[in-house]
Amino acid sequence: MQNPSSEKLSTNPDVDSAPVVRAATGFSIFRVIRTVVLLGIVAGGSYGIWTSLQTPPTLVQFTGRVVYKGKPVTTGGIATLRLDDQLDSATSALDSEGKFALETNGEPGAYVGRHKVVISSMTPTMPPQPLIPGVYGSMATTPLVINVSTDPKKNTLEVVLEGSLPGAGSTPPRGNALPPAAADANSDAPKTAAPQVD
């Protein structure tokens, strides 16, 4: 009697000499469970990553006031750019008391993290003249940085601008910022920006 595993499956002479590969006939519940568990882990991890990428961080209220030479800056606006993500920005107009409340894409608040700040204030005349030193009007030159906390009670700031307007004196513009270590994290009192010295 001939061994069944040595039977030829093809009558084609080109294939007759090729080895015959047979599928395993044993069934293992362990392999099935292992495969299902691995697929579940991969699917769950993929869903978690996808969800975290689709859910934007929450916005937190941030308000303050801008002052130059002891008086509120009542014309213009403020804009921030989050340092962790160059696409996240917040803006606000300055009101008649120099106050602002940041908004992101029309929604109240700003994303948590450190933000570089620019402030623009010009006369309504033609040509417009700056009402504050120009150093504050560009992301490349502004020394202002704020830290938006998860606690809205800590997100109040008075920005005190320093320096002279072009042609108004020889004092070079000096900015101020809120360095991360300068703010007392446990204080509920409004923060005041301190001069940044290079």
N, C-alpha and C. Protein backbone atom coordinates (compact mmCIF):
# COMPACT_ATOMS: atom_id res chain seq x y z
N MET A 1 0.84 -1.18 0.00
CA MET A 1 0.00 0.00 0.00
C MET A 1 0.88 1.24 0.00
N GLN A 2 0.44 2.21 -0.70
CA GLN A 2 1.21 3.43 -0.88
C GLN A 2 0.86 4.44 0.20
N ASN A 3 1.88 5.17 0.68
CA ASN A 3 1.69 6.20 1.71
C ASN A 3 0.92 7.36 1.10
N PRO A 4 -0.21 7.84 1.74
CA PRO A 4 -1.01 8.92 1.15
C PRO A 4 -0.23 10.23 1.03
N SER A 5 0.76 10.46 1.88
CA SER A 5 1.49 11.71 1.80
C SER A 5 2.44 11.75 0.62
N SER A 6 2.71 10.62 0.00
CA SER A 6 3.61 10.63 -1.14
C SER A 6 2.88 10.64 -2.47
N GLU A 7 1.54 10.73 -2.43
CA GLU A 7 0.78 10.78 -3.68
C GLU A 7 1.05 12.08 -4.41
N LYS A 8 1.05 11.98 -5.72
CA LYS A 8 1.22 13.16 -6.57
C LYS A 8 -0.15 13.80 -6.79
N LEU A 9 -0.17 15.15 -6.76
CA LEU A 9 -1.42 15.87 -6.94
C LEU A 9 -1.60 16.38 -8.36
N SER A 10 -0.58 16.33 -9.16
CA SER A 10 -0.66 16.90 -10.49
C SER A 10 -0.13 15.89 -11.49
N THR A 11 -0.68 15.94 -12.66
CA THR A 11 -0.19 15.08 -13.74
C THR A 11 0.69 15.85 -14.68
N ASN A 12 0.88 17.12 -14.43
CA ASN A 12 1.73 17.96 -15.26
C ASN A 12 3.18 17.57 -14.99
N PRO A 13 3.96 17.22 -16.00
CA PRO A 13 5.33 16.77 -15.78
C PRO A 13 6.22 17.87 -15.21
N ASP A 14 5.91 19.16 -15.46
CA ASP A 14 6.73 20.24 -14.91
C ASP A 14 6.51 20.41 -13.41
N VAL A 15 5.36 20.01 -12.91
CA VAL A 15 5.02 20.20 -11.52
C VAL A 15 5.24 18.92 -10.72
N ASP A 16 5.35 17.78 -11.40
CA ASP A 16 5.47 16.49 -10.71
C ASP A 16 6.63 16.45 -9.74
N SER A 17 7.71 17.11 -10.03
CA SER A 17 8.87 17.05 -9.14
C SER A 17 8.82 18.07 -8.00
N ALA A 18 7.83 19.00 -8.00
CA ALA A 18 7.73 20.01 -6.95
C ALA A 18 7.24 19.38 -5.66
N PRO A 19 7.74 19.85 -4.51
CA PRO A 19 7.28 19.29 -3.23
C PRO A 19 5.83 19.67 -2.97
N VAL A 20 5.14 18.82 -2.30
CA VAL A 20 3.74 19.02 -1.99
C VAL A 20 3.66 19.62 -0.58
N VAL A 21 2.94 20.73 -0.46
CA VAL A 21 2.77 21.38 0.83
C VAL A 21 1.35 21.15 1.28
N ARG A 22 1.21 20.64 2.48
CA ARG A 22 -0.13 20.36 3.01
C ARG A 22 -0.41 21.29 4.20
N ALA A 23 -1.64 21.69 4.36
CA ALA A 23 -2.05 22.54 5.48
C ALA A 23 -2.12 21.71 6.75
N ALA A 24 -1.86 22.37 7.88
CA ALA A 24 -1.95 21.69 9.16
C ALA A 24 -3.41 21.38 9.44
N THR A 25 -3.67 20.24 9.97
CA THR A 25 -5.05 19.83 10.19
C THR A 25 -5.47 20.01 11.64
N GLY A 26 -4.52 20.36 12.53
CA GLY A 26 -4.84 20.50 13.95
C GLY A 26 -5.48 21.85 14.24
N PHE A 27 -6.51 21.86 15.08
CA PHE A 27 -7.19 23.08 15.50
C PHE A 27 -6.80 23.36 16.94
N SER A 28 -6.46 24.65 17.23
CA SER A 28 -6.07 25.01 18.59
C SER A 28 -6.88 26.22 19.04
N ILE A 29 -7.64 26.05 20.10
CA ILE A 29 -8.42 27.16 20.64
C ILE A 29 -7.50 28.25 21.17
N PHE A 30 -6.31 27.86 21.64
CA PHE A 30 -5.34 28.83 22.13
C PHE A 30 -4.94 29.81 21.03
N ARG A 31 -4.69 29.30 19.80
CA ARG A 31 -4.33 30.17 18.69
C ARG A 31 -5.46 31.13 18.33
N VAL A 32 -6.67 30.68 18.39
CA VAL A 32 -7.83 31.52 18.08
C VAL A 32 -7.96 32.64 19.12
N ILE A 33 -7.86 32.28 20.40
CA ILE A 33 -7.98 33.28 21.46
C ILE A 33 -6.84 34.28 21.37
N ARG A 34 -5.62 33.80 21.15
CA ARG A 34 -4.47 34.69 21.04
C ARG A 34 -4.66 35.67 19.88
N THR A 35 -5.13 35.22 18.76
CA THR A 35 -5.35 36.08 17.59
C THR A 35 -6.43 37.13 17.88
N VAL A 36 -7.52 36.71 18.51
CA VAL A 36 -8.59 37.64 18.83
C VAL A 36 -8.11 38.70 19.82
N VAL A 37 -7.35 38.31 20.84
CA VAL A 37 -6.83 39.26 21.83
C VAL A 37 -5.87 40.24 21.17
N LEU A 38 -4.98 39.77 20.33
CA LEU A 38 -4.03 40.65 19.65
C LEU A 38 -4.75 41.64 18.74
N LEU A 39 -5.75 41.17 18.00
CA LEU A 39 -6.52 42.08 17.15
C LEU A 39 -7.27 43.11 17.97
N GLY A 40 -7.78 42.72 19.14
CA GLY A 40 -8.47 43.66 20.03
C GLY A 40 -7.53 44.73 20.55
N ILE A 41 -6.31 44.34 20.92
CA ILE A 41 -5.34 45.31 21.42
C ILE A 41 -4.96 46.30 20.32
N VAL A 42 -4.71 45.80 19.12
CA VAL A 42 -4.34 46.67 18.00
C VAL A 42 -5.49 47.62 17.66
N ALA A 43 -6.72 47.09 17.60
CA ALA A 43 -7.87 47.93 17.27
C ALA A 43 -8.12 48.97 18.37
N GLY A 44 -8.04 48.57 19.63
CA GLY A 44 -8.26 49.50 20.73
C GLY A 44 -7.20 50.59 20.77
N GLY A 45 -5.94 50.22 20.57
CA GLY A 45 -4.87 51.21 20.55
C GLY A 45 -5.03 52.18 19.40
N SER A 46 -5.38 51.66 18.24
CA SER A 46 -5.58 52.53 17.07
C SER A 46 -6.74 53.50 17.30
N TYR A 47 -7.81 53.01 17.90
CA TYR A 47 -8.96 53.88 18.19
C TYR A 47 -8.57 54.95 19.19
N GLY A 48 -7.81 54.60 20.23
CA GLY A 48 -7.37 55.57 21.23
C GLY A 48 -6.51 56.66 20.63
N ILE A 49 -5.59 56.28 19.78
CA ILE A 49 -4.73 57.27 19.11
C ILE A 49 -5.56 58.16 18.20
N TRP A 50 -6.44 57.57 17.43
CA TRP A 50 -7.27 58.34 16.51
C TRP A 50 -8.16 59.32 17.28
N THR A 51 -8.74 58.87 18.40
CA THR A 51 -9.60 59.74 19.19
C THR A 51 -8.81 60.91 19.77
N SER A 52 -7.60 60.63 20.29
CA SER A 52 -6.82 61.72 20.87
C SER A 52 -6.40 62.74 19.82
N LEU A 53 -6.21 62.30 18.59
CA LEU A 53 -5.85 63.23 17.52
C LEU A 53 -7.05 64.05 17.06
N GLN A 54 -8.24 63.51 17.21
CA GLN A 54 -9.45 64.19 16.76
C GLN A 54 -10.01 65.14 17.80
N THR A 55 -9.69 64.96 19.08
CA THR A 55 -10.24 65.77 20.16
C THR A 55 -9.28 66.91 20.48
N PRO A 56 -9.67 68.15 20.17
CA PRO A 56 -8.77 69.27 20.47
C PRO A 56 -8.71 69.51 21.97
N PRO A 57 -7.63 70.12 22.45
CA PRO A 57 -7.56 70.45 23.88
C PRO A 57 -8.65 71.46 24.23
N THR A 58 -8.98 71.53 25.49
CA THR A 58 -10.04 72.45 25.91
C THR A 58 -9.50 73.87 26.03
N LEU A 59 -10.39 74.80 25.84
CA LEU A 59 -10.05 76.22 25.96
C LEU A 59 -10.27 76.67 27.40
N VAL A 60 -9.39 77.56 27.88
CA VAL A 60 -9.47 78.08 29.24
C VAL A 60 -9.53 79.61 29.16
N GLN A 61 -10.38 80.19 29.97
CA GLN A 61 -10.53 81.65 29.98
C GLN A 61 -9.20 82.32 30.34
N PHE A 62 -8.87 83.39 29.60
CA PHE A 62 -7.69 84.20 29.91
C PHE A 62 -8.04 85.65 29.65
N THR A 63 -7.94 86.49 30.68
CA THR A 63 -8.28 87.91 30.57
C THR A 63 -7.13 88.75 31.09
N GLY A 64 -7.19 90.03 30.78
CA GLY A 64 -6.15 90.92 31.28
C GLY A 64 -6.37 92.35 30.87
N ARG A 65 -5.32 93.11 31.04
CA ARG A 65 -5.36 94.54 30.74
C ARG A 65 -3.98 94.95 30.25
N VAL A 66 -3.94 95.86 29.25
CA VAL A 66 -2.68 96.35 28.69
C VAL A 66 -2.52 97.81 29.08
N VAL A 67 -1.33 98.14 29.63
CA VAL A 67 -1.04 99.49 30.12
C VAL A 67 0.28 99.95 29.50
N TYR A 68 0.32 101.23 29.06
CA TYR A 68 1.55 101.84 28.57
C TYR A 68 1.66 103.23 29.18
N LYS A 69 2.78 103.51 29.82
CA LYS A 69 3.03 104.78 30.50
C LYS A 69 1.94 105.11 31.52
N GLY A 70 1.52 104.08 32.24
CA GLY A 70 0.53 104.25 33.31
C GLY A 70 -0.91 104.38 32.87
N LYS A 71 -1.16 104.35 31.56
CA LYS A 71 -2.53 104.51 31.05
C LYS A 71 -2.94 103.26 30.27
N PRO A 72 -4.23 102.92 30.28
CA PRO A 72 -4.67 101.75 29.52
C PRO A 72 -4.54 101.98 28.02
N VAL A 73 -4.17 100.93 27.32
CA VAL A 73 -4.10 100.98 25.84
C VAL A 73 -5.50 100.61 25.36
N THR A 74 -6.20 101.59 24.78
CA THR A 74 -7.63 101.41 24.47
C THR A 74 -7.93 101.20 22.99
N THR A 75 -6.91 101.21 22.17
CA THR A 75 -7.09 101.02 20.73
C THR A 75 -6.22 99.85 20.29
N GLY A 76 -6.78 99.00 19.45
CA GLY A 76 -5.96 97.91 18.91
C GLY A 76 -6.39 96.56 19.44
N GLY A 77 -5.43 95.64 19.43
CA GLY A 77 -5.74 94.29 19.83
C GLY A 77 -4.51 93.52 20.28
N ILE A 78 -4.77 92.33 20.76
CA ILE A 78 -3.73 91.43 21.24
C ILE A 78 -3.90 90.08 20.56
N ALA A 79 -2.79 89.45 20.24
CA ALA A 79 -2.83 88.11 19.63
C ALA A 79 -1.74 87.26 20.26
N THR A 80 -2.03 85.97 20.40
CA THR A 80 -1.04 85.05 20.96
C THR A 80 -0.81 83.90 20.00
N LEU A 81 0.34 83.27 20.14
CA LEU A 81 0.69 82.09 19.36
C LEU A 81 1.27 81.08 20.33
N ARG A 82 0.62 79.94 20.46
CA ARG A 82 1.07 78.93 21.42
C ARG A 82 2.42 78.37 20.97
N LEU A 83 3.38 78.34 21.88
CA LEU A 83 4.72 77.90 21.54
C LEU A 83 4.80 76.41 21.26
N ASP A 84 3.90 75.62 21.86
CA ASP A 84 3.91 74.17 21.65
C ASP A 84 3.32 73.77 20.31
N ASP A 85 2.46 74.59 19.77
CA ASP A 85 1.79 74.28 18.51
C ASP A 85 1.59 75.59 17.76
N GLN A 86 2.38 75.80 16.73
CA GLN A 86 2.38 77.08 16.01
C GLN A 86 1.06 77.37 15.30
N LEU A 87 0.11 76.43 15.31
CA LEU A 87 -1.16 76.67 14.64
C LEU A 87 -2.23 77.17 15.61
N ASP A 88 -1.97 77.08 16.92
CA ASP A 88 -2.94 77.52 17.91
C ASP A 88 -2.70 78.98 18.26
N SER A 89 -3.70 79.81 17.99
CA SER A 89 -3.56 81.23 18.32
C SER A 89 -4.85 81.72 18.96
N ALA A 90 -4.73 82.80 19.72
CA ALA A 90 -5.89 83.42 20.35
C ALA A 90 -5.78 84.93 20.12
N THR A 91 -6.92 85.60 20.06
CA THR A 91 -6.93 87.04 19.80
C THR A 91 -7.98 87.73 20.66
N SER A 92 -7.85 89.05 20.76
CA SER A 92 -8.86 89.85 21.44
C SER A 92 -8.65 91.31 21.08
N ALA A 93 -9.74 92.04 21.00
CA ALA A 93 -9.67 93.50 20.86
C ALA A 93 -9.49 94.08 22.25
N LEU A 94 -8.90 95.27 22.31
CA LEU A 94 -8.76 95.99 23.58
C LEU A 94 -9.96 96.91 23.74
N ASP A 95 -10.55 96.92 24.93
CA ASP A 95 -11.72 97.78 25.14
C ASP A 95 -11.31 99.15 25.68
N SER A 96 -12.28 99.96 26.06
CA SER A 96 -12.02 101.35 26.49
C SER A 96 -11.25 101.44 27.80
N GLU A 97 -11.09 100.32 28.50
CA GLU A 97 -10.30 100.29 29.73
C GLU A 97 -8.98 99.54 29.53
N GLY A 98 -8.69 99.16 28.28
CA GLY A 98 -7.48 98.41 27.99
C GLY A 98 -7.60 96.93 28.30
N LYS A 99 -8.80 96.46 28.58
CA LYS A 99 -9.02 95.07 28.95
C LYS A 99 -9.20 94.20 27.71
N PHE A 100 -8.87 92.92 27.88
CA PHE A 100 -9.05 91.93 26.81
C PHE A 100 -9.50 90.60 27.40
N ALA A 101 -10.14 89.79 26.57
CA ALA A 101 -10.52 88.41 26.90
C ALA A 101 -10.21 87.58 25.66
N LEU A 102 -9.23 86.70 25.76
CA LEU A 102 -8.78 85.94 24.58
C LEU A 102 -9.86 85.01 24.05
N GLU A 103 -9.88 84.88 22.72
CA GLU A 103 -10.78 83.96 22.02
C GLU A 103 -9.96 83.17 21.02
N THR A 104 -10.36 81.92 20.80
CA THR A 104 -9.72 81.06 19.82
C THR A 104 -10.79 80.61 18.83
N ASN A 105 -10.62 80.94 17.58
CA ASN A 105 -11.58 80.59 16.53
C ASN A 105 -13.01 80.97 16.91
N GLY A 106 -13.17 82.14 17.52
CA GLY A 106 -14.50 82.63 17.88
C GLY A 106 -15.03 82.07 19.19
N GLU A 107 -14.33 81.15 19.81
CA GLU A 107 -14.75 80.56 21.08
C GLU A 107 -13.98 81.23 22.22
N PRO A 108 -14.62 81.51 23.35
CA PRO A 108 -13.91 82.16 24.46
C PRO A 108 -12.80 81.27 25.02
N GLY A 109 -11.63 81.86 25.27
CA GLY A 109 -10.53 81.14 25.90
C GLY A 109 -9.33 80.94 25.00
N ALA A 110 -8.30 80.36 25.60
CA ALA A 110 -7.05 80.04 24.90
C ALA A 110 -6.63 78.65 25.34
N TYR A 111 -5.80 77.99 24.54
CA TYR A 111 -5.31 76.66 24.89
C TYR A 111 -4.25 76.76 25.98
N VAL A 112 -4.20 75.78 26.85
CA VAL A 112 -3.23 75.73 27.94
C VAL A 112 -1.82 75.65 27.37
N GLY A 113 -0.91 76.38 27.98
CA GLY A 113 0.49 76.35 27.57
C GLY A 113 1.07 77.75 27.48
N ARG A 114 2.32 77.80 27.05
CA ARG A 114 3.01 79.08 26.90
C ARG A 114 2.68 79.68 25.54
N HIS A 115 2.37 80.98 25.54
CA HIS A 115 2.00 81.71 24.33
C HIS A 115 2.89 82.94 24.18
N LYS A 116 3.38 83.14 22.97
CA LYS A 116 4.05 84.39 22.65
C LYS A 116 2.95 85.41 22.34
N VAL A 117 3.16 86.68 22.74
CA VAL A 117 2.10 87.69 22.65
C VAL A 117 2.56 88.87 21.81
N VAL A 118 1.69 89.33 20.90
CA VAL A 118 1.91 90.58 20.18
C VAL A 118 0.73 91.50 20.46
N ILE A 119 1.04 92.80 20.51
CA ILE A 119 0.01 93.81 20.75
C ILE A 119 0.18 94.88 19.69
N SER A 120 -0.93 95.28 19.10
CA SER A 120 -0.90 96.33 18.08
C SER A 120 -1.85 97.44 18.51
N SER A 121 -1.36 98.67 18.43
CA SER A 121 -2.18 99.82 18.75
C SER A 121 -1.71 100.99 17.89
N MET A 122 -2.59 101.48 17.01
CA MET A 122 -2.25 102.54 16.06
C MET A 122 -3.31 103.63 16.12
N THR A 123 -2.90 104.83 15.70
CA THR A 123 -3.85 105.93 15.60
C THR A 123 -4.78 105.66 14.42
N PRO A 124 -5.99 106.22 14.44
CA PRO A 124 -6.91 106.02 13.32
C PRO A 124 -6.64 106.97 12.15
N THR A 125 -5.57 107.74 12.22
CA THR A 125 -5.25 108.72 11.17
C THR A 125 -4.52 108.04 10.01
N MET A 126 -4.39 108.79 8.92
CA MET A 126 -3.63 108.31 7.77
C MET A 126 -2.39 109.15 7.62
N PRO A 127 -1.23 108.64 7.54
CA PRO A 127 -0.92 107.24 7.80
C PRO A 127 -1.01 106.96 9.30
N PRO A 128 -1.33 105.70 9.66
CA PRO A 128 -1.45 105.37 11.08
C PRO A 128 -0.10 105.50 11.79
N GLN A 129 -0.14 105.97 13.01
CA GLN A 129 1.07 106.11 13.83
C GLN A 129 0.95 105.16 15.03
N PRO A 130 2.07 104.55 15.43
CA PRO A 130 2.00 103.62 16.56
C PRO A 130 1.73 104.36 17.88
N LEU A 131 0.93 103.73 18.73
CA LEU A 131 0.64 104.28 20.05
C LEU A 131 1.46 103.57 21.13
N ILE A 132 2.11 102.48 20.75
CA ILE A 132 2.99 101.73 21.66
C ILE A 132 4.28 101.41 20.90
N PRO A 133 5.37 101.09 21.59
CA PRO A 133 6.60 100.73 20.88
C PRO A 133 6.39 99.56 19.91
N GLY A 134 6.99 99.68 18.73
CA GLY A 134 6.80 98.70 17.67
C GLY A 134 7.33 97.31 17.99
N VAL A 135 8.19 97.18 18.98
CA VAL A 135 8.76 95.88 19.33
C VAL A 135 7.67 94.88 19.72
N TYR A 136 6.53 95.37 20.22
CA TYR A 136 5.45 94.50 20.67
C TYR A 136 4.56 94.03 19.52
N GLY A 137 4.74 94.57 18.33
CA GLY A 137 3.84 94.29 17.21
C GLY A 137 4.26 93.15 16.31
N SER A 138 5.35 92.45 16.61
CA SER A 138 5.82 91.37 15.74
C SER A 138 6.21 90.15 16.57
N MET A 139 5.84 88.97 16.11
CA MET A 139 6.23 87.73 16.80
C MET A 139 7.75 87.59 16.84
N ALA A 140 8.43 88.17 15.86
CA ALA A 140 9.89 88.04 15.81
C ALA A 140 10.58 88.91 16.87
N THR A 141 9.94 90.00 17.30
CA THR A 141 10.61 90.92 18.22
C THR A 141 9.96 91.03 19.59
N THR A 142 8.75 90.56 19.75
CA THR A 142 8.08 90.75 21.03
C THR A 142 8.76 89.93 22.14
N PRO A 143 8.94 90.56 23.29
CA PRO A 143 9.50 89.82 24.43
C PRO A 143 8.40 89.24 25.33
N LEU A 144 7.14 89.45 24.95
CA LEU A 144 6.04 89.04 25.82
C LEU A 144 5.70 87.56 25.66
N VAL A 145 5.60 86.88 26.79
CA VAL A 145 5.19 85.47 26.83
C VAL A 145 4.25 85.31 28.01
N ILE A 146 3.12 84.63 27.79
CA ILE A 146 2.19 84.35 28.89
C ILE A 146 2.09 82.85 29.06
N ASN A 147 1.67 82.46 30.24
CA ASN A 147 1.45 81.04 30.53
C ASN A 147 -0.03 80.86 30.85
N VAL A 148 -0.75 80.15 29.98
CA VAL A 148 -2.18 79.89 30.20
C VAL A 148 -2.28 78.62 31.04
N SER A 149 -2.86 78.78 32.22
CA SER A 149 -2.99 77.68 33.18
C SER A 149 -4.31 76.96 32.99
N THR A 150 -4.40 75.73 33.51
CA THR A 150 -5.67 75.00 33.48
C THR A 150 -6.66 75.61 34.46
N ASP A 151 -6.17 76.39 35.42
CA ASP A 151 -7.02 77.04 36.40
C ASP A 151 -7.35 78.46 35.94
N PRO A 152 -8.59 78.74 35.53
CA PRO A 152 -8.94 80.07 35.03
C PRO A 152 -8.69 81.19 36.04
N LYS A 153 -8.68 80.88 37.35
CA LYS A 153 -8.44 81.91 38.36
C LYS A 153 -7.02 82.46 38.26
N LYS A 154 -6.12 81.69 37.70
CA LYS A 154 -4.72 82.11 37.56
C LYS A 154 -4.46 82.80 36.22
N ASN A 155 -5.49 82.94 35.41
CA ASN A 155 -5.32 83.47 34.05
C ASN A 155 -5.79 84.91 33.93
N THR A 156 -5.32 85.76 34.82
CA THR A 156 -5.57 87.19 34.74
C THR A 156 -4.22 87.88 34.79
N LEU A 157 -4.01 88.81 33.88
CA LEU A 157 -2.69 89.41 33.75
C LEU A 157 -2.79 90.89 33.40
N GLU A 158 -1.94 91.70 34.00
CA GLU A 158 -1.79 93.08 33.57
C GLU A 158 -0.46 93.17 32.82
N VAL A 159 -0.53 93.53 31.56
CA VAL A 159 0.66 93.65 30.72
C VAL A 159 1.10 95.11 30.75
N VAL A 160 2.27 95.36 31.31
CA VAL A 160 2.80 96.72 31.40
C VAL A 160 3.87 96.87 30.32
N LEU A 161 3.58 97.71 29.32
CA LEU A 161 4.51 97.93 28.22
C LEU A 161 5.49 99.03 28.59
N GLU A 162 6.73 98.87 28.15
CA GLU A 162 7.77 99.86 28.43
C GLU A 162 8.47 100.25 27.15
N GLY A 163 9.18 101.38 27.20
CA GLY A 163 9.94 101.82 26.04
C GLY A 163 9.36 103.11 25.48
N SER A 164 10.00 103.59 24.44
CA SER A 164 9.59 104.85 23.82
C SER A 164 9.10 104.60 22.40
N LEU A 165 8.26 105.49 21.97
CA LEU A 165 7.81 105.45 20.58
C LEU A 165 8.95 105.94 19.70
N PRO A 166 9.01 105.54 18.44
CA PRO A 166 10.07 106.02 17.55
C PRO A 166 10.08 107.54 17.49
N GLY A 167 11.26 108.12 17.72
CA GLY A 167 11.42 109.56 17.66
C GLY A 167 11.00 110.28 18.92
N ALA A 168 10.49 109.53 19.94
CA ALA A 168 10.01 110.19 21.16
C ALA A 168 11.08 110.28 22.23
N GLY A 169 12.21 109.65 22.05
CA GLY A 169 13.25 109.69 23.07
C GLY A 169 14.33 108.68 22.74
N SER A 170 15.34 108.64 23.54
CA SER A 170 16.45 107.76 23.24
C SER A 170 16.39 106.44 24.00
N THR A 171 15.37 106.25 24.85
CA THR A 171 15.27 105.01 25.61
C THR A 171 14.84 103.88 24.67
N PRO A 172 15.65 102.83 24.55
CA PRO A 172 15.24 101.73 23.68
C PRO A 172 14.06 100.98 24.29
N PRO A 173 13.16 100.44 23.46
CA PRO A 173 12.02 99.71 23.99
C PRO A 173 12.49 98.47 24.76
N ARG A 174 11.92 98.29 25.93
CA ARG A 174 12.17 97.08 26.71
C ARG A 174 10.84 96.43 26.95
N GLY A 175 10.78 95.17 26.73
CA GLY A 175 9.52 94.47 26.92
C GLY A 175 9.42 93.89 28.30
N ASN A 176 8.28 93.34 28.56
CA ASN A 176 8.12 92.57 29.78
C ASN A 176 7.38 91.32 29.43
N ALA A 177 7.58 90.34 30.21
CA ALA A 177 6.93 89.08 29.97
C ALA A 177 6.66 88.44 31.31
N LEU A 178 5.92 87.42 31.28
CA LEU A 178 5.68 86.65 32.47
C LEU A 178 6.49 85.38 32.34
N PRO A 179 7.74 85.40 32.82
CA PRO A 179 8.52 84.17 32.75
C PRO A 179 7.83 83.08 33.54
N PRO A 180 7.99 81.82 33.14
CA PRO A 180 7.27 80.74 33.80
C PRO A 180 7.51 80.71 35.31
N ALA A 181 8.72 81.02 35.76
CA ALA A 181 9.04 80.95 37.18
C ALA A 181 8.60 82.21 37.92
N ALA A 182 8.26 83.28 37.21
CA ALA A 182 7.94 84.55 37.86
C ALA A 182 6.56 84.55 38.49
N ALA A 183 5.66 83.75 37.96
CA ALA A 183 4.30 83.74 38.49
C ALA A 183 4.22 82.75 39.64
N ASP A 184 3.64 83.19 40.73
CA ASP A 184 3.44 82.28 41.86
C ASP A 184 2.26 81.40 41.49
N ALA A 185 2.52 80.13 41.29
CA ALA A 185 1.50 79.20 40.82
C ALA A 185 0.36 79.06 41.82
N ASN A 186 0.59 79.35 43.09
CA ASN A 186 -0.45 79.19 44.10
C ASN A 186 -1.21 80.48 44.39
N SER A 187 -0.85 81.57 43.76
CA SER A 187 -1.46 82.86 44.04
C SER A 187 -2.74 83.03 43.25
N ASP A 188 -3.77 83.52 43.92
CA ASP A 188 -5.02 83.82 43.24
C ASP A 188 -5.08 85.28 42.85
N ALA A 189 -4.08 86.05 43.24
CA ALA A 189 -4.05 87.48 42.91
C ALA A 189 -3.73 87.67 41.44
N PRO A 190 -4.22 88.76 40.82
CA PRO A 190 -3.88 89.00 39.42
C PRO A 190 -2.38 89.13 39.24
N LYS A 191 -1.90 88.59 38.14
CA LYS A 191 -0.48 88.65 37.83
C LYS A 191 -0.15 89.96 37.14
N THR A 192 1.01 90.49 37.39
CA THR A 192 1.50 91.67 36.69
C THR A 192 2.79 91.27 36.00
N ALA A 193 2.87 91.54 34.72
CA ALA A 193 4.06 91.18 33.99
C ALA A 193 5.24 92.01 34.48
N ALA A 194 6.37 91.36 34.63
CA ALA A 194 7.59 92.03 35.09
C ALA A 194 8.51 92.25 33.91
N PRO A 195 9.34 93.29 33.95
CA PRO A 195 10.26 93.53 32.82
C PRO A 195 11.18 92.35 32.59
N GLN A 196 11.38 92.02 31.35
CA GLN A 196 12.32 90.97 30.98
C GLN A 196 13.64 91.62 30.65
N VAL A 197 14.69 91.19 31.30
CA VAL A 197 16.00 91.78 31.09
C VAL A 197 16.88 90.74 30.42
N ASP A 198 17.50 91.11 29.32
CA ASP A 198 18.36 90.18 28.60
C ASP A 198 19.75 90.17 29.19
